PDB file of all heavy atoms in Angstrom:
ATOM      1  N   LEU A   1      11.771  96.544 -96.978  1.00  0.00           N
ATOM      2  CA  LEU A   1      11.046  95.608 -97.832  1.00  0.00           C
ATOM      3  C   LEU A   1      11.963  94.500 -98.356  1.00  0.00           C
ATOM      4  O   LEU A   1      11.543  93.722 -99.212  1.00  0.00           O
ATOM      5  CB  LEU A   1      10.445  96.335 -99.054  1.00  0.00           C
ATOM      6  CG  LEU A   1       9.431  97.408 -98.701  1.00  0.00           C
ATOM      7  CD1 LEU A   1       9.001  98.119 -99.959  1.00  0.00           C
ATOM      8  CD2 LEU A   1       8.193  96.806 -98.031  1.00  0.00           C
ATOM      9  N   GLU A   2      13.186  94.449 -97.869  1.00  0.00           N
ATOM     10  CA  GLU A   2      14.172  93.566 -98.454  1.00  0.00           C
ATOM     11  C   GLU A   2      14.161  92.204 -97.819  1.00  0.00           C
ATOM     12  O   GLU A   2      15.252  91.619 -97.534  1.00  0.00           O
ATOM     13  CB  GLU A   2      15.577  94.168 -98.445  1.00  0.00           C
ATOM     14  CG  GLU A   2      16.112  94.488 -97.054  1.00  0.00           C
ATOM     15  CD  GLU A   2      15.681  95.820 -96.538  1.00  0.00           C
ATOM     16  OE1 GLU A   2      14.702  96.355 -97.013  1.00  0.00           O
ATOM     17  OE2 GLU A   2      16.416  96.370 -95.669  1.00  0.00           O
ATOM     18  N   ALA A   3      13.001  91.593 -97.486  1.00  0.00           N
ATOM     19  CA  ALA A   3      12.933  90.287 -96.881  1.00  0.00           C
ATOM     20  C   ALA A   3      13.606  89.285 -97.818  1.00  0.00           C
ATOM     21  O   ALA A   3      13.219  89.169 -98.962  1.00  0.00           O
ATOM     22  CB  ALA A   3      11.524  89.885 -96.604  1.00  0.00           C
ATOM     23  N   GLY A   4      14.606  88.578 -97.323  1.00  0.00           N
ATOM     24  CA  GLY A   4      15.284  87.594 -98.166  1.00  0.00           C
ATOM     25  C   GLY A   4      16.467  88.151 -98.900  1.00  0.00           C
ATOM     26  O   GLY A   4      17.229  87.422 -99.502  1.00  0.00           O
ATOM     27  N   LEU A   5      16.695  89.495 -98.875  1.00  0.00           N
ATOM     28  CA  LEU A   5      17.823  90.084 -99.527  1.00  0.00           C
ATOM     29  C   LEU A   5      18.892  90.355 -98.482  1.00  0.00           C
ATOM     30  O   LEU A   5      18.886  91.397 -97.825  1.00  0.00           O
ATOM     31  CB  LEU A   5      17.458  91.381-100.264  1.00  0.00           C
ATOM     32  CG  LEU A   5      16.295  91.264-101.310  1.00  0.00           C
ATOM     33  CD1 LEU A   5      16.054  92.592-101.944  1.00  0.00           C
ATOM     34  CD2 LEU A   5      16.604  90.212-102.336  1.00  0.00           C
ATOM     35  N   THR A   6      19.812  89.452 -98.310  1.00  0.00           N
ATOM     36  CA  THR A   6      20.786  89.568 -97.247  1.00  0.00           C
ATOM     37  C   THR A   6      21.893  90.536 -97.591  1.00  0.00           C
ATOM     38  O   THR A   6      22.453  91.160 -96.713  1.00  0.00           O
ATOM     39  CB  THR A   6      21.412  88.179 -96.881  1.00  0.00           C
ATOM     40  OG1 THR A   6      21.948  87.604 -98.089  1.00  0.00           O
ATOM     41  CG2 THR A   6      20.336  87.267 -96.345  1.00  0.00           C
ATOM     42  N   ASP A   7      22.279  90.624 -98.850  1.00  0.00           N
ATOM     43  CA  ASP A   7      23.363  91.501 -99.282  1.00  0.00           C
ATOM     44  C   ASP A   7      22.954  92.179-100.571  1.00  0.00           C
ATOM     45  O   ASP A   7      23.164  91.684-101.642  1.00  0.00           O
ATOM     46  CB  ASP A   7      24.639  90.682 -99.492  1.00  0.00           C
ATOM     47  CG  ASP A   7      25.890  91.566 -99.714  1.00  0.00           C
ATOM     48  OD1 ASP A   7      25.681  92.783 -99.917  1.00  0.00           O
ATOM     49  OD2 ASP A   7      26.990  91.065 -99.675  1.00  0.00           O
ATOM     50  N   ARG A   8      22.375  93.373-100.427  1.00  0.00           N
ATOM     51  CA  ARG A   8      21.843  94.062-101.589  1.00  0.00           C
ATOM     52  C   ARG A   8      22.937  94.524-102.516  1.00  0.00           C
ATOM     53  O   ARG A   8      22.748  94.625-103.731  1.00  0.00           O
ATOM     54  CB  ARG A   8      20.987  95.248-101.136  1.00  0.00           C
ATOM     55  CG  ARG A   8      19.610  94.846-100.652  1.00  0.00           C
ATOM     56  CD  ARG A   8      18.815  96.085-100.287  1.00  0.00           C
ATOM     57  NE  ARG A   8      19.299  96.645 -99.022  1.00  0.00           N
ATOM     58  CZ  ARG A   8      18.933  97.829 -98.541  1.00  0.00           C
ATOM     59  NH1 ARG A   8      18.036  98.539 -99.206  1.00  0.00           N
ATOM     60  NH2 ARG A   8      19.397  98.266 -97.379  1.00  0.00           N
ATOM     61  N   SER A   9      24.099  94.870-101.995  1.00  0.00           N
ATOM     62  CA  SER A   9      25.186  95.317-102.885  1.00  0.00           C
ATOM     63  C   SER A   9      25.650  94.184-103.797  1.00  0.00           C
ATOM     64  O   SER A   9      25.920  94.417-104.957  1.00  0.00           O
ATOM     65  CB  SER A   9      26.369  95.845-102.038  1.00  0.00           C
ATOM     66  OG  SER A   9      26.868  94.810-101.202  1.00  0.00           O
ATOM     67  N   THR A  10      25.708  92.943-103.285  1.00  0.00           N
ATOM     68  CA  THR A  10      26.102  91.827-104.118  1.00  0.00           C
ATOM     69  C   THR A  10      24.999  91.535-105.146  1.00  0.00           C
ATOM     70  O   THR A  10      25.291  91.202-106.327  1.00  0.00           O
ATOM     71  CB  THR A  10      26.317  90.551-103.237  1.00  0.00           C
ATOM     72  OG1 THR A  10      27.345  90.850-102.318  1.00  0.00           O
ATOM     73  CG2 THR A  10      26.725  89.399-104.084  1.00  0.00           C
ATOM     74  N   ILE A  11      23.751  91.633-104.737  1.00  0.00           N
ATOM     75  CA  ILE A  11      22.634  91.328-105.648  1.00  0.00           C
ATOM     76  C   ILE A  11      22.559  92.352-106.775  1.00  0.00           C
ATOM     77  O   ILE A  11      22.328  92.031-107.935  1.00  0.00           O
ATOM     78  CB  ILE A  11      21.315  91.238-104.856  1.00  0.00           C
ATOM     79  CG1 ILE A  11      21.341  89.993-104.005  1.00  0.00           C
ATOM     80  CG2 ILE A  11      20.135  91.224-105.796  1.00  0.00           C
ATOM     81  CD1 ILE A  11      20.147  89.909-103.081  1.00  0.00           C
ATOM     82  N   SER A  12      22.780  93.610-106.449  1.00  0.00           N
ATOM     83  CA  SER A  12      22.648  94.661-107.453  1.00  0.00           C
ATOM     84  C   SER A  12      23.885  94.828-108.334  1.00  0.00           C
ATOM     85  O   SER A  12      23.825  95.572-109.315  1.00  0.00           O
ATOM     86  CB  SER A  12      22.338  95.986-106.762  1.00  0.00           C
ATOM     87  OG  SER A  12      23.402  96.395-105.904  1.00  0.00           O
ATOM     88  N   ALA A  13      25.007  94.144-108.006  1.00  0.00           N
ATOM     89  CA  ALA A  13      26.233  94.340-108.741  1.00  0.00           C
ATOM     90  C   ALA A  13      26.064  94.005-110.247  1.00  0.00           C
ATOM     91  O   ALA A  13      26.514  94.772-111.119  1.00  0.00           O
ATOM     92  CB  ALA A  13      27.364  93.503-108.105  1.00  0.00           C
ATOM     93  N   PRO A  14      25.459  92.849-110.628  1.00  0.00           N
ATOM     94  CA  PRO A  14      25.331  92.551-112.076  1.00  0.00           C
ATOM     95  C   PRO A  14      24.481  93.588-112.811  1.00  0.00           C
ATOM     96  O   PRO A  14      24.738  93.894-113.957  1.00  0.00           O
ATOM     97  CB  PRO A  14      24.646  91.190-112.095  1.00  0.00           C
ATOM     98  CG  PRO A  14      24.955  90.592-110.769  1.00  0.00           C
ATOM     99  CD  PRO A  14      24.985  91.750-109.825  1.00  0.00           C
ATOM    100  N   PHE A  15      23.521  94.160-112.131  1.00  0.00           N
ATOM    101  CA  PHE A  15      22.654  95.184-112.788  1.00  0.00           C
ATOM    102  C   PHE A  15      23.467  96.445-113.067  1.00  0.00           C
ATOM    103  O   PHE A  15      23.318  97.058-114.101  1.00  0.00           O
ATOM    104  CB  PHE A  15      21.452  95.492-111.904  1.00  0.00           C
ATOM    105  CG  PHE A  15      20.646  94.295-111.530  1.00  0.00           C
ATOM    106  CD1 PHE A  15      20.256  94.085-110.213  1.00  0.00           C
ATOM    107  CD2 PHE A  15      20.292  93.363-112.481  1.00  0.00           C
ATOM    108  CE1 PHE A  15      19.516  92.968-109.846  1.00  0.00           C
ATOM    109  CE2 PHE A  15      19.536  92.229-112.132  1.00  0.00           C
ATOM    110  CZ  PHE A  15      19.163  92.043-110.818  1.00  0.00           C
ATOM    111  N   TRP A  16      24.366  96.807-112.121  1.00  0.00           N
ATOM    112  CA  TRP A  16      25.235  97.951-112.351  1.00  0.00           C
ATOM    113  C   TRP A  16      26.225  97.698-113.475  1.00  0.00           C
ATOM    114  O   TRP A  16      26.478  98.592-114.311  1.00  0.00           O
ATOM    115  CB  TRP A  16      25.996  98.333-111.071  1.00  0.00           C
ATOM    116  CG  TRP A  16      26.944  99.453-111.190  1.00  0.00           C
ATOM    117  CD1 TRP A  16      28.306  99.408-111.159  1.00  0.00           C
ATOM    118  CD2 TRP A  16      26.603 100.815-111.409  1.00  0.00           C
ATOM    119  NE1 TRP A  16      28.824 100.635-111.275  1.00  0.00           N
ATOM    120  CE2 TRP A  16      27.811 101.542-111.470  1.00  0.00           C
ATOM    121  CE3 TRP A  16      25.423 101.515-111.580  1.00  0.00           C
ATOM    122  CZ2 TRP A  16      27.857 102.923-111.671  1.00  0.00           C
ATOM    123  CZ3 TRP A  16      25.457 102.884-111.759  1.00  0.00           C
ATOM    124  CH2 TRP A  16      26.675 103.566-111.818  1.00  0.00           C
ATOM    125  N   THR A  17      26.710  96.457-113.565  1.00  0.00           N
ATOM    126  CA  THR A  17      27.654  96.103-114.634  1.00  0.00           C
ATOM    127  C   THR A  17      26.966  96.194-116.001  1.00  0.00           C
ATOM    128  O   THR A  17      27.522  96.701-116.970  1.00  0.00           O
ATOM    129  CB  THR A  17      28.176  94.699-114.416  1.00  0.00           C
ATOM    130  OG1 THR A  17      28.835  94.637-113.174  1.00  0.00           O
ATOM    131  CG2 THR A  17      29.164  94.289-115.504  1.00  0.00           C
ATOM    132  N   VAL A  18      25.733  95.639-116.107  1.00  0.00           N
ATOM    133  CA  VAL A  18      24.971  95.732-117.355  1.00  0.00           C
ATOM    134  C   VAL A  18      24.729  97.150-117.717  1.00  0.00           C
ATOM    135  O   VAL A  18      24.802  97.554-118.897  1.00  0.00           O
ATOM    136  CB  VAL A  18      23.660  94.969-117.217  1.00  0.00           C
ATOM    137  CG1 VAL A  18      22.743  95.248-118.415  1.00  0.00           C
ATOM    138  CG2 VAL A  18      23.919  93.463-117.124  1.00  0.00           C
ATOM    139  N   HIS A  19      24.419  98.000-116.751  1.00  0.00           N
ATOM    140  CA  HIS A  19      24.213  99.407-117.074  1.00  0.00           C
ATOM    141  C   HIS A  19      25.468 100.063-117.690  1.00  0.00           C
ATOM    142  O   HIS A  19      25.352 100.783-118.704  1.00  0.00           O
ATOM    143  CB  HIS A  19      23.842 100.145-115.734  1.00  0.00           C
ATOM    144  CG  HIS A  19      24.061 101.650-115.824  1.00  0.00           C
ATOM    145  ND1 HIS A  19      23.327 102.456-116.651  1.00  0.00           N
ATOM    146  CD2 HIS A  19      24.954 102.435-115.180  1.00  0.00           C
ATOM    147  CE1 HIS A  19      23.736 103.703-116.498  1.00  0.00           C
ATOM    148  NE2 HIS A  19      24.714 103.736-115.611  1.00  0.00           N
ATOM    149  N   ARG A  20      26.615  99.756-117.144  1.00  0.00           N
ATOM    150  CA  ARG A  20      27.857 100.335-117.712  1.00  0.00           C
ATOM    151  C   ARG A  20      28.193  99.749-119.078  1.00  0.00           C
ATOM    152  O   ARG A  20      28.588 100.497-119.973  1.00  0.00           O
ATOM    153  CB  ARG A  20      29.006 100.123-116.747  1.00  0.00           C
ATOM    154  CG  ARG A  20      28.881 100.911-115.452  1.00  0.00           C
ATOM    155  CD  ARG A  20      30.108 100.852-114.551  1.00  0.00           C
ATOM    156  NE  ARG A  20      30.405  99.498-114.102  1.00  0.00           N
ATOM    157  CZ  ARG A  20      31.304  98.682-114.602  1.00  0.00           C
ATOM    158  NH1 ARG A  20      32.037  99.026-115.616  1.00  0.00           N
ATOM    159  NH2 ARG A  20      31.478  97.488-114.061  1.00  0.00           N
ATOM    160  N   LEU A  21      28.071  98.439-119.217  1.00  0.00           N
ATOM    161  CA  LEU A  21      28.425  97.794-120.498  1.00  0.00           C
ATOM    162  C   LEU A  21      27.450  98.190-121.622  1.00  0.00           C
ATOM    163  O   LEU A  21      27.875  98.310-122.784  1.00  0.00           O
ATOM    164  CB  LEU A  21      28.440  96.279-120.333  1.00  0.00           C
ATOM    165  CG  LEU A  21      29.555  95.728-119.456  1.00  0.00           C
ATOM    166  CD1 LEU A  21      29.373  94.209-119.308  1.00  0.00           C
ATOM    167  CD2 LEU A  21      30.901  96.018-120.045  1.00  0.00           C
ATOM    168  N   ALA A  22      26.204  98.373-121.295  1.00  0.00           N
ATOM    169  CA  ALA A  22      25.172  98.645-122.323  1.00  0.00           C
ATOM    170  C   ALA A  22      25.131 100.110-122.688  1.00  0.00           C
ATOM    171  O   ALA A  22      24.558 100.479-123.731  1.00  0.00           O
ATOM    172  CB  ALA A  22      23.804  98.223-121.843  1.00  0.00           C
ATOM    173  N   LYS A  23      25.754 100.981-121.901  1.00  0.00           N
ATOM    174  CA  LYS A  23      25.686 102.400-122.190  1.00  0.00           C
ATOM    175  C   LYS A  23      26.575 102.713-123.471  1.00  0.00           C
ATOM    176  O   LYS A  23      27.696 102.403-123.504  1.00  0.00           O
ATOM    177  CB  LYS A  23      26.243 103.204-121.023  1.00  0.00           C
ATOM    178  CG  LYS A  23      26.023 104.708-121.152  1.00  0.00           C
ATOM    179  CD  LYS A  23      26.431 105.385-119.857  1.00  0.00           C
ATOM    180  CE  LYS A  23      26.165 106.885-119.947  1.00  0.00           C
ATOM    181  NZ  LYS A  23      26.576 107.582-118.725  1.00  0.00           N
ATOM    182  N   PRO A  24      25.901 103.289-124.510  1.00  0.00           N
ATOM    183  CA  PRO A  24      26.654 103.521-125.731  1.00  0.00           C
ATOM    184  C   PRO A  24      27.760 104.566-125.561  1.00  0.00           C
ATOM    185  O   PRO A  24      27.615 105.509-124.742  1.00  0.00           O
ATOM    186  CB  PRO A  24      25.607 104.042-126.694  1.00  0.00           C
ATOM    187  CG  PRO A  24      24.277 103.638-126.093  1.00  0.00           C
ATOM    188  CD  PRO A  24      24.522 103.628-124.626  1.00  0.00           C
ATOM    189  N   GLU A  25      28.837 104.409-126.313  1.00  0.00           N
ATOM    190  CA  GLU A  25      29.910 105.399-126.289  1.00  0.00           C
ATOM    191  C   GLU A  25      29.460 106.703-126.991  1.00  0.00           C
ATOM    192  O   GLU A  25      29.783 107.785-126.556  1.00  0.00           O
ATOM    193  CB  GLU A  25      31.162 104.802-126.911  1.00  0.00           C
ATOM    194  CG  GLU A  25      31.746 103.603-126.155  1.00  0.00           C
ATOM    195  CD  GLU A  25      32.953 103.035-126.869  1.00  0.00           C
ATOM    196  OE1 GLU A  25      33.338 103.629-127.919  1.00  0.00           O
ATOM    197  OE2 GLU A  25      33.469 102.068-126.388  1.00  0.00           O
ATOM    198  N   ALA A  26      28.760 106.526-128.120  1.00  0.00           N
ATOM    199  CA  ALA A  26      28.282 107.693-128.849  1.00  0.00           C
ATOM    200  C   ALA A  26      27.041 108.242-128.172  1.00  0.00           C
ATOM    201  O   ALA A  26      26.091 107.498-127.891  1.00  0.00           O
ATOM    202  CB  ALA A  26      27.983 107.316-130.287  1.00  0.00           C
ATOM    203  N   ARG A  27      27.060 109.530-127.905  1.00  0.00           N
ATOM    204  CA  ARG A  27      25.970 110.150-127.143  1.00  0.00           C
ATOM    205  C   ARG A  27      24.655 110.134-127.918  1.00  0.00           C
ATOM    206  O   ARG A  27      23.573 109.980-127.330  1.00  0.00           O
ATOM    207  CB  ARG A  27      26.345 111.523-126.722  1.00  0.00           C
ATOM    208  CG  ARG A  27      25.331 112.264-125.858  1.00  0.00           C
ATOM    209  CD  ARG A  27      25.844 113.560-125.375  1.00  0.00           C
ATOM    210  NE  ARG A  27      27.046 113.407-124.511  1.00  0.00           N
ATOM    211  CZ  ARG A  27      27.710 114.422-123.959  1.00  0.00           C
ATOM    212  NH1 ARG A  27      27.330 115.658-124.175  1.00  0.00           N
ATOM    213  NH2 ARG A  27      28.771 114.162-123.211  1.00  0.00           N
ATOM    214  N   HIS A  28      24.690 110.386-129.183  1.00  0.00           N
ATOM    215  CA  HIS A  28      23.475 110.536-129.981  1.00  0.00           C
ATOM    216  C   HIS A  28      23.247 109.356-130.956  1.00  0.00           C
ATOM    217  O   HIS A  28      22.721 109.486-132.009  1.00  0.00           O
ATOM    218  CB  HIS A  28      23.514 111.867-130.748  1.00  0.00           C
ATOM    219  CG  HIS A  28      23.687 113.044-129.878  1.00  0.00           C
ATOM    220  ND1 HIS A  28      22.688 113.408-128.979  1.00  0.00           N
ATOM    221  CD2 HIS A  28      24.696 113.926-129.746  1.00  0.00           C
ATOM    222  CE1 HIS A  28      23.135 114.534-128.336  1.00  0.00           C
ATOM    223  NE2 HIS A  28      24.326 114.841-128.785  1.00  0.00           N
ATOM    224  N   ARG A  29      23.674 108.224-130.541  1.00  0.00           N
ATOM    225  CA  ARG A  29      23.547 107.050-131.418  1.00  0.00           C
ATOM    226  C   ARG A  29      22.097 106.597-131.478  1.00  0.00           C
ATOM    227  O   ARG A  29      21.389 106.571-130.491  1.00  0.00           O
ATOM    228  CB  ARG A  29      24.413 105.915-130.881  1.00  0.00           C
ATOM    229  CG  ARG A  29      24.421 104.708-131.801  1.00  0.00           C
ATOM    230  CD  ARG A  29      25.148 103.573-131.141  1.00  0.00           C
ATOM    231  NE  ARG A  29      24.991 102.360-131.940  1.00  0.00           N
ATOM    232  CZ  ARG A  29      25.168 101.149-131.462  1.00  0.00           C
ATOM    233  NH1 ARG A  29      25.438 100.991-130.214  1.00  0.00           N
ATOM    234  NH2 ARG A  29      25.030 100.111-132.235  1.00  0.00           N
ATOM    235  N   ALA A  30      21.621 106.207-132.669  1.00  0.00           N
ATOM    236  CA  ALA A  30      20.235 105.763-132.875  1.00  0.00           C
ATOM    237  C   ALA A  30      20.013 104.463-132.105  1.00  0.00           C
ATOM    238  O   ALA A  30      20.882 103.552-132.139  1.00  0.00           O
ATOM    239  CB  ALA A  30      19.945 105.575-134.332  1.00  0.00           C
ATOM    240  N   GLU A  31      18.857 104.320-131.459  1.00  0.00           N
ATOM    241  CA  GLU A  31      18.573 103.119-130.686  1.00  0.00           C
ATOM    242  C   GLU A  31      17.982 102.047-131.589  1.00  0.00           C
ATOM    243  O   GLU A  31      16.980 102.274-132.309  1.00  0.00           O
ATOM    244  CB  GLU A  31      17.545 103.446-129.575  1.00  0.00           C
ATOM    245  CG  GLU A  31      17.090 102.300-128.732  1.00  0.00           C
ATOM    246  CD  GLU A  31      18.201 101.830-127.777  1.00  0.00           C
ATOM    247  OE1 GLU A  31      19.196 102.539-127.642  1.00  0.00           O
ATOM    248  OE2 GLU A  31      18.002 100.771-127.161  1.00  0.00           O
ATOM    249  N   PRO A  32      18.551 100.835-131.607  1.00  0.00           N
ATOM    250  CA  PRO A  32      17.989  99.761-132.477  1.00  0.00           C
ATOM    251  C   PRO A  32      16.667  99.277-131.907  1.00  0.00           C
ATOM    252  O   PRO A  32      16.395  99.315-130.693  1.00  0.00           O
ATOM    253  CB  PRO A  32      19.069  98.682-132.391  1.00  0.00           C
ATOM    254  CG  PRO A  32      19.750  98.900-131.052  1.00  0.00           C
ATOM    255  CD  PRO A  32      19.718 100.375-130.844  1.00  0.00           C
ATOM    256  N   PRO A  33      15.749  98.816-132.773  1.00  0.00           N
ATOM    257  CA  PRO A  33      14.446  98.320-132.300  1.00  0.00           C
ATOM    258  C   PRO A  33      14.612  97.020-131.479  1.00  0.00           C
ATOM    259  O   PRO A  33      15.560  96.263-131.742  1.00  0.00           O
ATOM    260  CB  PRO A  33      13.653  98.064-133.592  1.00  0.00           C
ATOM    261  CG  PRO A  33      14.705  97.879-134.633  1.00  0.00           C
ATOM    262  CD  PRO A  33      15.839  98.759-134.258  1.00  0.00           C
ATOM    263  N   LEU A  34      13.704  96.781-130.564  1.00  0.00           N
ATOM    264  CA  LEU A  34      13.782  95.629-129.701  1.00  0.00           C
ATOM    265  C   LEU A  34      13.831  94.308-130.496  1.00  0.00           C
ATOM    266  O   LEU A  34      14.460  93.342-130.089  1.00  0.00           O
ATOM    267  CB  LEU A  34      12.651  95.635-128.693  1.00  0.00           C
ATOM    268  CG  LEU A  34      12.664  94.548-127.606  1.00  0.00           C
ATOM    269  CD1 LEU A  34      13.894  94.677-126.725  1.00  0.00           C
ATOM    270  CD2 LEU A  34      11.424  94.620-126.750  1.00  0.00           C
ATOM    271  N   SER A  35      13.116  94.273-131.622  1.00  0.00           N
ATOM    272  CA  SER A  35      13.033  93.068-132.412  1.00  0.00           C
ATOM    273  C   SER A  35      14.407  92.684-132.988  1.00  0.00           C
ATOM    274  O   SER A  35      14.621  91.496-133.371  1.00  0.00           O
ATOM    275  CB  SER A  35      12.057  93.248-133.573  1.00  0.00           C
ATOM    276  OG  SER A  35      12.420  94.356-134.401  1.00  0.00           O
ATOM    277  N   SER A  36      15.336  93.614-133.090  1.00  0.00           N
ATOM    278  CA  SER A  36      16.663  93.316-133.653  1.00  0.00           C
ATOM    279  C   SER A  36      17.676  93.065-132.586  1.00  0.00           C
ATOM    280  O   SER A  36      18.848  92.810-132.888  1.00  0.00           O
ATOM    281  CB  SER A  36      17.123  94.507-134.529  1.00  0.00           C
ATOM    282  OG  SER A  36      17.375  95.640-133.715  1.00  0.00           O
ATOM    283  N   TRP A  37      17.300  93.059-131.299  1.00  0.00           N
ATOM    284  CA  TRP A  37      18.252  92.854-130.232  1.00  0.00           C
ATOM    285  C   TRP A  37      18.703  91.396-130.183  1.00  0.00           C
ATOM    286  O   TRP A  37      17.970  90.493-130.583  1.00  0.00           O
ATOM    287  CB  TRP A  37      17.632  93.163-128.885  1.00  0.00           C
ATOM    288  CG  TRP A  37      17.456  94.616-128.627  1.00  0.00           C
ATOM    289  CD1 TRP A  37      17.373  95.648-129.509  1.00  0.00           C
ATOM    290  CD2 TRP A  37      17.317  95.244-127.352  1.00  0.00           C
ATOM    291  NE1 TRP A  37      17.181  96.834-128.920  1.00  0.00           N
ATOM    292  CE2 TRP A  37      17.155  96.627-127.558  1.00  0.00           C
ATOM    293  CE3 TRP A  37      17.288  94.762-126.025  1.00  0.00           C
ATOM    294  CZ2 TRP A  37      17.007  97.524-126.491  1.00  0.00           C
ATOM    295  CZ3 TRP A  37      17.093  95.622-124.992  1.00  0.00           C
ATOM    296  CH2 TRP A  37      16.966  96.987-125.230  1.00  0.00           C
TER     297      TRP A  37
END
């Protein structure tokens, strides 16, 4: 289904970076509401 996606690893790289950066260090930290983001 990847018509137009020539290099999926390059395209998905920023999403993987955001996943790592956004992951909290504290395991049970309270999640802030979306309105405060």
